[in-house]
N, C-alpha and C. Protein backbone atom coordinates (compact mmCIF):
# COMPACT_ATOMS: atom_id res chain seq x y z
N MET A 1 -8.89 5.50 -0.47
CA MET A 1 -8.05 4.33 -0.38
C MET A 1 -8.65 3.26 -1.30
N ALA A 2 -7.81 2.70 -2.13
CA ALA A 2 -8.21 1.60 -3.01
C ALA A 2 -7.78 0.29 -2.36
N VAL A 3 -8.68 -0.69 -2.33
CA VAL A 3 -8.39 -1.98 -1.70
C VAL A 3 -8.76 -3.11 -2.64
N ALA A 4 -7.89 -4.12 -2.69
CA ALA A 4 -8.16 -5.31 -3.49
C ALA A 4 -7.79 -6.52 -2.65
N LYS A 5 -8.30 -7.66 -3.05
CA LYS A 5 -7.93 -8.92 -2.40
C LYS A 5 -7.36 -9.84 -3.45
N THR A 6 -6.35 -10.61 -3.05
CA THR A 6 -5.74 -11.58 -3.95
C THR A 6 -5.28 -12.76 -3.11
N THR A 7 -4.81 -13.77 -3.78
CA THR A 7 -4.31 -14.95 -3.08
C THR A 7 -2.84 -15.12 -3.41
N VAL A 8 -2.02 -15.31 -2.37
CA VAL A 8 -0.59 -15.51 -2.52
C VAL A 8 -0.23 -16.78 -1.75
N ASP A 9 0.32 -17.75 -2.45
CA ASP A 9 0.69 -19.03 -1.83
C ASP A 9 -0.47 -19.63 -1.04
N GLY A 10 -1.67 -19.51 -1.60
CA GLY A 10 -2.84 -20.11 -0.97
C GLY A 10 -3.45 -19.29 0.16
N ARG A 11 -2.88 -18.13 0.46
CA ARG A 11 -3.42 -17.27 1.53
C ARG A 11 -4.04 -16.02 0.92
N GLU A 12 -5.21 -15.66 1.42
CA GLU A 12 -5.84 -14.42 0.95
C GLU A 12 -5.11 -13.23 1.57
N VAL A 13 -4.81 -12.24 0.72
CA VAL A 13 -4.06 -11.06 1.12
C VAL A 13 -4.83 -9.83 0.68
N SER A 14 -4.90 -8.82 1.56
CA SER A 14 -5.48 -7.53 1.18
C SER A 14 -4.35 -6.64 0.67
N VAL A 15 -4.63 -5.91 -0.40
CA VAL A 15 -3.67 -4.99 -0.98
C VAL A 15 -4.36 -3.63 -1.05
N ALA A 16 -3.71 -2.60 -0.51
CA ALA A 16 -4.33 -1.28 -0.48
C ALA A 16 -3.33 -0.22 -0.94
N SER A 17 -3.88 0.80 -1.56
CA SER A 17 -3.09 1.95 -1.97
C SER A 17 -3.68 3.17 -1.28
N VAL A 18 -2.81 3.96 -0.64
CA VAL A 18 -3.28 5.13 0.11
C VAL A 18 -2.54 6.39 -0.33
N HIS A 19 -3.15 7.51 -0.07
CA HIS A 19 -2.50 8.80 -0.19
C HIS A 19 -2.86 9.56 1.07
N LEU A 20 -1.92 9.57 2.02
CA LEU A 20 -2.18 10.14 3.34
C LEU A 20 -1.73 11.59 3.42
N SER A 21 -2.31 12.29 4.38
CA SER A 21 -1.95 13.68 4.63
C SER A 21 -0.64 13.73 5.42
N TRP A 22 -0.05 14.93 5.46
CA TRP A 22 1.14 15.13 6.27
C TRP A 22 0.77 14.99 7.74
N TRP A 23 1.77 14.73 8.58
CA TRP A 23 1.58 14.48 10.01
C TRP A 23 0.68 15.53 10.65
N ASP A 24 0.95 16.79 10.41
CA ASP A 24 0.17 17.86 11.07
C ASP A 24 -1.03 18.33 10.25
N LYS A 25 -1.39 17.59 9.21
CA LYS A 25 -2.51 17.98 8.34
C LYS A 25 -3.60 16.91 8.26
N GLY A 26 -3.66 15.99 9.23
CA GLY A 26 -4.73 15.00 9.22
C GLY A 26 -4.28 13.55 9.22
N PHE A 27 -2.97 13.32 9.21
CA PHE A 27 -2.46 11.96 9.14
C PHE A 27 -2.99 11.08 10.27
N GLN A 28 -2.97 11.57 11.50
CA GLN A 28 -3.34 10.74 12.65
C GLN A 28 -4.76 10.18 12.50
N GLU A 29 -5.69 11.00 12.08
CA GLU A 29 -7.08 10.56 11.92
C GLU A 29 -7.20 9.55 10.78
N GLU A 30 -6.52 9.83 9.68
CA GLU A 30 -6.55 8.91 8.54
C GLU A 30 -5.95 7.56 8.92
N TRP A 31 -4.84 7.60 9.63
CA TRP A 31 -4.17 6.35 10.00
C TRP A 31 -5.04 5.54 10.97
N ALA A 32 -5.70 6.20 11.89
CA ALA A 32 -6.58 5.51 12.84
C ALA A 32 -7.68 4.75 12.09
N ARG A 33 -8.24 5.36 11.06
CA ARG A 33 -9.29 4.68 10.26
C ARG A 33 -8.72 3.49 9.50
N ILE A 34 -7.52 3.64 8.96
CA ILE A 34 -6.88 2.53 8.24
C ILE A 34 -6.62 1.37 9.19
N GLU A 35 -6.06 1.66 10.35
CA GLU A 35 -5.80 0.59 11.32
C GLU A 35 -7.08 -0.14 11.71
N GLU A 36 -8.11 0.62 11.98
CA GLU A 36 -9.39 0.02 12.38
C GLU A 36 -9.93 -0.89 11.28
N ARG A 37 -9.90 -0.41 10.06
CA ARG A 37 -10.43 -1.20 8.94
C ARG A 37 -9.67 -2.50 8.75
N PHE A 38 -8.34 -2.44 8.77
CA PHE A 38 -7.56 -3.64 8.45
C PHE A 38 -7.39 -4.57 9.65
N GLN A 39 -7.49 -4.06 10.86
CA GLN A 39 -7.49 -4.96 12.02
C GLN A 39 -8.73 -5.83 12.01
N SER A 40 -9.85 -5.27 11.59
CA SER A 40 -11.09 -6.04 11.57
C SER A 40 -11.10 -7.09 10.46
N ILE A 41 -10.33 -6.88 9.41
CA ILE A 41 -10.26 -7.85 8.32
C ILE A 41 -9.46 -9.07 8.74
N GLY A 42 -8.37 -8.87 9.46
CA GLY A 42 -7.57 -9.96 9.99
C GLY A 42 -6.82 -10.78 8.96
N LYS A 43 -6.45 -10.17 7.86
CA LYS A 43 -5.67 -10.86 6.82
C LYS A 43 -4.34 -10.14 6.64
N PRO A 44 -3.35 -10.82 6.06
CA PRO A 44 -2.10 -10.11 5.73
C PRO A 44 -2.40 -8.92 4.82
N LEU A 45 -1.59 -7.88 4.96
CA LEU A 45 -1.84 -6.63 4.25
C LEU A 45 -0.57 -6.14 3.57
N ILE A 46 -0.73 -5.76 2.31
CA ILE A 46 0.31 -5.03 1.59
C ILE A 46 -0.24 -3.63 1.41
N LEU A 47 0.44 -2.66 1.98
CA LEU A 47 -0.01 -1.28 1.94
C LEU A 47 1.02 -0.44 1.21
N ALA A 48 0.59 0.23 0.16
CA ALA A 48 1.50 1.04 -0.64
C ALA A 48 0.87 2.40 -0.88
N GLY A 49 1.67 3.34 -1.34
CA GLY A 49 1.12 4.64 -1.69
C GLY A 49 2.01 5.78 -1.24
N ASP A 50 1.40 6.95 -1.14
CA ASP A 50 2.10 8.15 -0.71
C ASP A 50 1.72 8.40 0.74
N PHE A 51 2.65 8.12 1.65
CA PHE A 51 2.39 8.26 3.08
C PHE A 51 2.66 9.67 3.59
N ASN A 52 3.36 10.48 2.80
CA ASN A 52 3.70 11.85 3.19
C ASN A 52 4.34 11.94 4.57
N ASN A 53 5.13 10.95 4.91
CA ASN A 53 5.82 10.92 6.20
C ASN A 53 7.21 10.31 5.98
N PRO A 54 8.23 11.14 5.94
CA PRO A 54 9.58 10.65 5.68
C PRO A 54 10.03 9.62 6.72
N ALA A 55 10.90 8.73 6.29
CA ALA A 55 11.46 7.71 7.19
C ALA A 55 12.04 8.37 8.43
N GLY A 56 11.74 7.77 9.58
CA GLY A 56 12.27 8.27 10.84
C GLY A 56 11.41 9.31 11.52
N ARG A 57 10.44 9.87 10.83
CA ARG A 57 9.59 10.91 11.42
C ARG A 57 8.40 10.30 12.15
N GLU A 58 7.56 11.14 12.77
CA GLU A 58 6.47 10.67 13.62
C GLU A 58 5.52 9.72 12.90
N GLY A 59 5.07 10.09 11.71
CA GLY A 59 4.13 9.25 10.97
C GLY A 59 4.73 7.90 10.60
N TYR A 60 5.97 7.92 10.18
CA TYR A 60 6.69 6.69 9.83
C TYR A 60 6.77 5.77 11.04
N GLN A 61 7.14 6.33 12.19
CA GLN A 61 7.24 5.54 13.42
C GLN A 61 5.86 5.02 13.84
N THR A 62 4.83 5.82 13.64
CA THR A 62 3.46 5.40 13.97
C THR A 62 3.07 4.19 13.13
N ILE A 63 3.38 4.23 11.85
CA ILE A 63 3.06 3.11 10.95
C ILE A 63 3.79 1.84 11.39
N LEU A 64 5.08 1.95 11.68
CA LEU A 64 5.86 0.77 12.07
C LEU A 64 5.46 0.23 13.44
N ALA A 65 4.93 1.09 14.33
CA ALA A 65 4.51 0.66 15.67
C ALA A 65 3.07 0.15 15.67
N SER A 66 2.41 0.19 14.53
CA SER A 66 1.01 -0.19 14.42
C SER A 66 0.78 -1.66 14.75
N PRO A 67 -0.38 -1.99 15.31
CA PRO A 67 -0.72 -3.40 15.53
C PRO A 67 -0.90 -4.17 14.22
N LEU A 68 -0.89 -3.47 13.08
CA LEU A 68 -0.97 -4.15 11.79
C LEU A 68 0.34 -4.87 11.47
N LYS A 69 1.40 -4.59 12.23
CA LYS A 69 2.70 -5.25 12.08
C LYS A 69 3.28 -5.08 10.67
N LEU A 70 3.23 -3.85 10.17
CA LEU A 70 3.77 -3.56 8.84
C LEU A 70 5.29 -3.40 8.92
N GLN A 71 5.94 -3.63 7.80
CA GLN A 71 7.38 -3.45 7.68
C GLN A 71 7.65 -2.52 6.50
N ASP A 72 8.74 -1.79 6.59
CA ASP A 72 9.19 -0.95 5.49
C ASP A 72 9.88 -1.85 4.47
N SER A 73 9.28 -2.03 3.31
CA SER A 73 9.83 -2.95 2.31
C SER A 73 11.22 -2.53 1.86
N PHE A 74 11.50 -1.24 1.85
CA PHE A 74 12.82 -0.76 1.46
C PHE A 74 13.87 -1.25 2.46
N GLN A 75 13.54 -1.13 3.75
CA GLN A 75 14.46 -1.60 4.80
C GLN A 75 14.64 -3.11 4.74
N VAL A 76 13.56 -3.84 4.53
CA VAL A 76 13.63 -5.30 4.45
C VAL A 76 14.48 -5.71 3.25
N ALA A 77 14.29 -5.03 2.11
CA ALA A 77 15.05 -5.36 0.91
C ALA A 77 16.54 -5.08 1.12
N GLN A 78 16.87 -3.98 1.78
CA GLN A 78 18.28 -3.68 2.04
C GLN A 78 18.90 -4.74 2.93
N LYS A 79 18.17 -5.18 3.95
CA LYS A 79 18.68 -6.21 4.85
C LYS A 79 18.90 -7.51 4.08
N LYS A 80 17.91 -7.89 3.25
CA LYS A 80 18.04 -9.11 2.46
C LYS A 80 19.21 -9.00 1.49
N GLN A 81 19.39 -7.82 0.90
CA GLN A 81 20.50 -7.62 -0.02
C GLN A 81 21.83 -7.81 0.70
N MET A 82 21.94 -7.27 1.92
CA MET A 82 23.18 -7.42 2.68
C MET A 82 23.40 -8.89 3.05
N GLU A 83 22.33 -9.60 3.42
CA GLU A 83 22.46 -11.02 3.73
C GLU A 83 22.93 -11.80 2.50
N THR A 84 22.39 -11.44 1.33
CA THR A 84 22.77 -12.10 0.09
C THR A 84 24.23 -11.81 -0.24
N ILE A 85 24.65 -10.57 -0.05
CA ILE A 85 26.05 -10.20 -0.31
C ILE A 85 26.97 -10.99 0.62
N GLN A 86 26.58 -11.09 1.90
CA GLN A 86 27.40 -11.83 2.85
C GLN A 86 27.48 -13.30 2.45
N LEU A 87 26.35 -13.89 2.06
CA LEU A 87 26.36 -15.29 1.63
C LEU A 87 27.20 -15.48 0.38
N ASP A 88 27.09 -14.52 -0.56
CA ASP A 88 27.90 -14.59 -1.78
C ASP A 88 29.39 -14.53 -1.45
N LEU A 89 29.75 -13.67 -0.49
CA LEU A 89 31.16 -13.56 -0.11
C LEU A 89 31.65 -14.85 0.55
N VAL A 90 30.84 -15.42 1.40
CA VAL A 90 31.21 -16.68 2.04
C VAL A 90 31.39 -17.75 0.98
N SER A 91 30.47 -17.81 0.03
CA SER A 91 30.55 -18.79 -1.05
C SER A 91 31.82 -18.56 -1.88
N MET A 92 32.10 -17.30 -2.19
CA MET A 92 33.26 -16.97 -2.99
C MET A 92 34.55 -17.35 -2.26
N VAL A 93 34.62 -17.03 -0.96
CA VAL A 93 35.81 -17.39 -0.19
C VAL A 93 35.97 -18.90 -0.16
N GLY A 94 34.86 -19.62 0.00
CA GLY A 94 34.89 -21.08 -0.01
C GLY A 94 35.44 -21.62 -1.31
N LYS A 95 35.02 -21.06 -2.42
CA LYS A 95 35.50 -21.50 -3.74
C LYS A 95 36.98 -21.19 -3.91
N VAL A 96 37.41 -20.01 -3.46
CA VAL A 96 38.82 -19.64 -3.55
C VAL A 96 39.66 -20.61 -2.72
N MET A 97 39.18 -20.89 -1.50
CA MET A 97 39.93 -21.82 -0.63
C MET A 97 40.00 -23.21 -1.26
N LYS A 98 38.89 -23.66 -1.85
CA LYS A 98 38.88 -24.97 -2.50
C LYS A 98 39.86 -24.99 -3.67
N ASN A 99 39.83 -23.94 -4.49
CA ASN A 99 40.75 -23.86 -5.63
C ASN A 99 42.20 -23.77 -5.15
N LEU A 100 42.42 -23.05 -4.07
CA LEU A 100 43.76 -22.94 -3.51
C LEU A 100 44.24 -24.31 -3.02
N TYR A 101 43.33 -25.05 -2.38
CA TYR A 101 43.66 -26.40 -1.91
C TYR A 101 44.01 -27.31 -3.10
N VAL A 102 43.18 -27.26 -4.15
CA VAL A 102 43.44 -28.08 -5.34
C VAL A 102 44.77 -27.69 -5.96
N LEU A 103 45.05 -26.39 -6.06
CA LEU A 103 46.31 -25.92 -6.63
C LEU A 103 47.49 -26.39 -5.77
N THR A 104 47.34 -26.30 -4.45
CA THR A 104 48.40 -26.75 -3.55
C THR A 104 48.66 -28.24 -3.73
N MET A 105 47.60 -29.04 -3.80
CA MET A 105 47.73 -30.48 -3.99
C MET A 105 48.41 -30.78 -5.34
N PHE A 106 48.04 -30.02 -6.37
CA PHE A 106 48.63 -30.20 -7.70
C PHE A 106 50.13 -29.90 -7.66
N LEU A 107 50.48 -28.77 -7.03
CA LEU A 107 51.88 -28.38 -6.96
C LEU A 107 52.70 -29.37 -6.15
N GLN A 108 52.11 -29.88 -5.06
CA GLN A 108 52.82 -30.88 -4.26
C GLN A 108 53.02 -32.17 -5.05
N ALA A 109 52.00 -32.59 -5.79
CA ALA A 109 52.11 -33.81 -6.60
C ALA A 109 53.16 -33.64 -7.69
N LYS A 110 53.18 -32.44 -8.27
CA LYS A 110 54.12 -32.18 -9.35
C LYS A 110 55.57 -32.15 -8.84
N SER A 111 55.72 -31.64 -7.62
CA SER A 111 57.07 -31.55 -7.09
C SER A 111 57.50 -32.87 -6.41
N GLY A 112 56.56 -33.83 -6.30
CA GLY A 112 56.88 -35.13 -5.74
C GLY A 112 56.83 -35.18 -4.24
N GLN A 113 56.21 -34.24 -3.59
CA GLN A 113 56.11 -34.25 -2.13
C GLN A 113 54.89 -34.96 -1.66
């Protein structure tokens, strides 16, 4: 495991890269050592690498249930993307409604109503 420290927005962050074994080939022992190491550091952690545990499987669930409070960045990004799309749609509908209102006011003024 490669580990580095950096500062992000004034906070020290640990960054690690791992290559873990498959669930039935040693993952549990490796993960226990990783948890122990980073719990003792007590800093935010960015963990990347080859986890050899597909989403939804035992190892994946173990990582997400960890006291390290890690999140799947892919899942977080998808959620943020959906929130952005929803906000964009709301904004777009607002602009359409505003333009429709302006057009309606223009047409009423032109027709003398």
